[in-house]
Amino acid sequence: MDSRCKQAVLKVIATIETEISAIEEEINEHVNNYSHLKNMVENIKTIKGIGYLTAIAEMPSVDNFDNARQFAGLNPEHRFIRK
């Protein structure tokens, strides 16, 4: 690989690594600002072999809920499949 191409690739990699670090910092700040999220992460991390990033990845997606009350556990609803 010629040196100019190599330098371009290294620059792109450095930019991506910087963006990843910034996103991870935002995630950390968000989790630390909400005690229920922090508790969820800590509970998931009690599983042997599960670290912080895996715990974050395993948290439920907001897309699984119809509204914020359900996500927060304030308005749980059971869904039944009717035939």
C-alpha atoms as a PDB file:
ATOM      1  CA  MET A   1       0.000   0.000   0.000  1.00  0.00           C
ATOM      2  CA  ASP A   2       1.502   3.345  -0.904  1.00  0.00           C
ATOM      3  CA  SER A   3       2.209   5.733   1.958  1.00  0.00           C
ATOM      4  CA  ARG A   4      -0.393   8.335   0.944  1.00  0.00           C
ATOM      5  CA  CYS A   5      -3.123   5.696   0.860  1.00  0.00           C
ATOM      6  CA  LYS A   6      -1.930   4.279   4.183  1.00  0.00           C
ATOM      7  CA  GLN A   7      -1.992   7.748   5.770  1.00  0.00           C
ATOM      8  CA  ALA A   8      -5.535   8.323   4.484  1.00  0.00           C
ATOM      9  CA  VAL A   9      -6.719   5.021   5.957  1.00  0.00           C
ATOM     10  CA  LEU A  10      -5.038   5.764   9.296  1.00  0.00           C
ATOM     11  CA  LYS A  11      -6.689   9.188   9.372  1.00  0.00           C
ATOM     12  CA  VAL A  12     -10.125   7.640   8.780  1.00  0.00           C
ATOM     13  CA  ILE A  13      -9.492   5.065  11.514  1.00  0.00           C
ATOM     14  CA  ALA A  14      -8.442   7.798  13.950  1.00  0.00           C
ATOM     15  CA  THR A  15     -11.595   9.781  13.150  1.00  0.00           C
ATOM     16  CA  ILE A  16     -13.796   6.732  13.715  1.00  0.00           C
ATOM     17  CA  GLU A  17     -12.052   5.954  17.022  1.00  0.00           C
ATOM     18  CA  THR A  18     -12.619   9.549  18.155  1.00  0.00           C
ATOM     19  CA  GLU A  19     -16.318   9.302  17.289  1.00  0.00           C
ATOM     20  CA  ILE A  20     -16.648   5.973  19.117  1.00  0.00           C
ATOM     21  CA  SER A  21     -15.050   7.479  22.234  1.00  0.00           C
ATOM     22  CA  ALA A  22     -17.408  10.464  22.116  1.00  0.00           C
ATOM     23  CA  ILE A  23     -20.465   8.217  21.751  1.00  0.00           C
ATOM     24  CA  GLU A  24     -19.317   5.963  24.611  1.00  0.00           C
ATOM     25  CA  GLU A  25     -18.882   9.042  26.821  1.00  0.00           C
ATOM     26  CA  GLU A  26     -22.408  10.231  25.969  1.00  0.00           C
ATOM     27  CA  ILE A  27     -23.797   6.780  26.808  1.00  0.00           C
ATOM     28  CA  ASN A  28     -21.934   6.772  30.144  1.00  0.00           C
ATOM     29  CA  GLU A  29     -23.236  10.239  31.030  1.00  0.00           C
ATOM     30  CA  HIS A  30     -26.792   9.268  30.092  1.00  0.00           C
ATOM     31  CA  VAL A  31     -26.726   6.070  32.157  1.00  0.00           C
ATOM     32  CA  ASN A  32     -25.201   7.867  35.144  1.00  0.00           C
ATOM     33  CA  ASN A  33     -27.853  10.613  34.982  1.00  0.00           C
ATOM     34  CA  TYR A  34     -30.732   8.122  35.372  1.00  0.00           C
ATOM     35  CA  SER A  35     -30.620   5.902  38.443  1.00  0.00           C
ATOM     36  CA  HIS A  36     -32.998   3.308  36.977  1.00  0.00           C
ATOM     37  CA  LEU A  37     -30.697   2.838  33.976  1.00  0.00           C
ATOM     38  CA  LYS A  38     -27.660   2.666  36.226  1.00  0.00           C
ATOM     39  CA  ASN A  39     -29.402   0.023  38.368  1.00  0.00           C
ATOM     40  CA  MET A  40     -30.327  -1.998  35.284  1.00  0.00           C
ATOM     41  CA  VAL A  41     -26.728  -1.963  34.077  1.00  0.00           C
ATOM     42  CA  GLU A  42     -25.410  -2.948  37.505  1.00  0.00           C
ATOM     43  CA  ASN A  43     -27.924  -5.815  37.740  1.00  0.00           C
ATOM     44  CA  ILE A  44     -27.010  -7.144  34.303  1.00  0.00           C
ATOM     45  CA  LYS A  45     -23.299  -6.902  35.160  1.00  0.00           C
ATOM     46  CA  THR A  46     -23.786  -9.333  38.064  1.00  0.00           C
ATOM     47  CA  ILE A  47     -23.927 -12.109  35.472  1.00  0.00           C
ATOM     48  CA  LYS A  48     -20.505 -13.724  35.221  1.00  0.00           C
ATOM     49  CA  GLY A  49     -18.692 -12.636  32.068  1.00  0.00           C
ATOM     50  CA  ILE A  50     -20.898  -9.599  31.411  1.00  0.00           C
ATOM     51  CA  GLY A  51     -19.134  -6.239  31.375  1.00  0.00           C
ATOM     52  CA  TYR A  52     -20.351  -2.681  31.032  1.00  0.00           C
ATOM     53  CA  LEU A  53     -20.622  -2.554  27.230  1.00  0.00           C
ATOM     54  CA  THR A  54     -22.411  -5.900  27.037  1.00  0.00           C
ATOM     55  CA  ALA A  55     -24.796  -4.794  29.789  1.00  0.00           C
ATOM     56  CA  ILE A  56     -25.600  -1.619  27.852  1.00  0.00           C
ATOM     57  CA  ALA A  57     -26.182  -3.632  24.686  1.00  0.00           C
ATOM     58  CA  GLU A  58     -28.556  -6.000  26.505  1.00  0.00           C
ATOM     59  CA  MET A  59     -30.781  -3.272  27.907  1.00  0.00           C
ATOM     60  CA  PRO A  60     -34.253  -3.250  26.363  1.00  0.00           C
ATOM     61  CA  SER A  61     -34.796  -1.048  23.356  1.00  0.00           C
ATOM     62  CA  VAL A  62     -37.268   1.801  23.659  1.00  0.00           C
ATOM     63  CA  ASP A  63     -38.790   0.458  20.441  1.00  0.00           C
ATOM     64  CA  ASN A  64     -40.226  -2.442  22.464  1.00  0.00           C
ATOM     65  CA  PHE A  65     -42.615  -0.104  24.278  1.00  0.00           C
ATOM     66  CA  ASP A  66     -45.609   1.927  23.115  1.00  0.00           C
ATOM     67  CA  ASN A  67     -44.858   4.887  25.382  1.00  0.00           C
ATOM     68  CA  ALA A  68     -42.409   6.231  27.963  1.00  0.00           C
ATOM     69  CA  ARG A  69     -44.565   5.087  30.913  1.00  0.00           C
ATOM     70  CA  GLN A  70     -44.242   1.475  29.814  1.00  0.00           C
ATOM     71  CA  PHE A  71     -40.468   1.834  29.377  1.00  0.00           C
ATOM     72  CA  ALA A  72     -40.177   3.276  32.880  1.00  0.00           C
ATOM     73  CA  GLY A  73     -42.371   0.499  34.278  1.00  0.00           C
ATOM     74  CA  LEU A  74     -45.117   2.888  35.361  1.00  0.00           C
ATOM     75  CA  ASN A  75     -47.805   1.538  33.065  1.00  0.00           C
ATOM     76  CA  PRO A  76     -47.132  -2.111  32.268  1.00  0.00           C
ATOM     77  CA  GLU A  77     -49.602  -3.776  29.950  1.00  0.00           C
ATOM     78  CA  HIS A  78     -50.048  -7.418  29.160  1.00  0.00           C
ATOM     79  CA  ARG A  79     -50.699  -8.221  25.558  1.00  0.00           C
ATOM     80  CA  PHE A  80     -52.780 -11.213  24.686  1.00  0.00           C
ATOM     81  CA  ILE A  81     -52.966 -12.742  21.251  1.00  0.00           C
ATOM     82  CA  ARG A  82     -56.558 -13.298  20.297  1.00  0.00           C
ATOM     83  CA  LYS A  83     -57.423 -15.907  17.737  1.00  0.00           C
END
